[in-house]
Amino acid sequence: MKLVKLTPALAVLALLAACGHNATERAATGGLGGALVAGPAGAVVGGTVGAATAH
């Protein structure tokens, strides 16, 4: 049941992590999205995912 509640939040996090044209912008938007969804730990994960998705 907990996974069902987290799925929309993870989807939003993934979408926000993909915003931006370079690694810095993607890390920043991922961090902000993660912070909104899951607090400080989400900010770290979102920033990491954002930076990792940069080409």
Protein backbone atom coordinates (compact mmCIF):
# COMPACT_ATOMS: atom_id res chain seq x y z
CA MET A 1 0.00 0.00 0.00
CA LYS A 2 2.87 2.34 0.75
CA LEU A 3 4.23 1.89 -2.79
CA VAL A 4 0.89 3.02 -4.21
CA LYS A 5 1.16 6.26 -2.21
CA LEU A 6 4.78 6.85 -3.24
CA THR A 7 4.34 6.19 -6.96
CA PRO A 8 2.89 9.62 -7.86
CA ALA A 9 5.55 11.37 -5.79
CA LEU A 10 8.32 9.42 -7.51
CA ALA A 11 6.84 10.23 -10.92
CA VAL A 12 6.85 13.95 -10.12
CA LEU A 13 10.41 13.68 -8.89
CA ALA A 14 11.51 11.96 -12.09
CA LEU A 15 9.80 14.59 -14.25
CA LEU A 16 11.34 17.49 -12.35
CA ALA A 17 14.78 15.92 -12.43
CA ALA A 18 14.69 16.04 -16.22
CA CYS A 19 14.16 19.84 -16.44
CA GLY A 20 17.11 21.90 -17.64
CA HIS A 21 19.66 22.09 -20.41
CA ASN A 22 22.81 21.11 -18.52
CA ALA A 23 23.86 19.10 -15.47
CA THR A 24 23.73 22.10 -13.13
CA GLU A 25 20.17 23.05 -14.07
CA ARG A 26 18.99 19.45 -13.90
CA ALA A 27 20.58 18.93 -10.49
CA ALA A 28 18.99 22.15 -9.21
CA THR A 29 15.49 21.34 -10.45
CA GLY A 30 15.83 17.76 -9.26
CA GLY A 31 16.86 18.96 -5.83
CA LEU A 32 13.94 21.36 -5.61
CA GLY A 33 11.49 18.72 -6.76
CA GLY A 34 12.88 16.20 -4.32
CA ALA A 35 12.68 18.67 -1.46
CA LEU A 36 9.03 19.34 -2.22
CA VAL A 37 8.21 15.64 -2.36
CA ALA A 38 10.33 14.13 0.41
CA GLY A 39 12.17 16.85 2.33
CA PRO A 40 15.97 16.93 2.72
CA ALA A 41 16.52 13.32 1.72
CA GLY A 42 14.43 13.88 -1.40
CA ALA A 43 16.53 16.91 -2.26
CA VAL A 44 19.68 14.79 -2.22
CA VAL A 45 18.11 12.06 -4.33
CA GLY A 46 16.54 14.54 -6.75
CA GLY A 47 19.80 16.41 -7.21
CA THR A 48 21.68 13.19 -7.83
CA VAL A 49 19.13 11.93 -10.36
CA GLY A 50 19.06 15.31 -12.07
CA ALA A 51 22.83 15.40 -12.45
CA ALA A 52 22.93 11.80 -13.63
CA THR A 53 20.39 12.42 -16.40
CA ALA A 54 22.51 15.13 -18.03
CA HIS A 55 24.00 14.22 -21.40
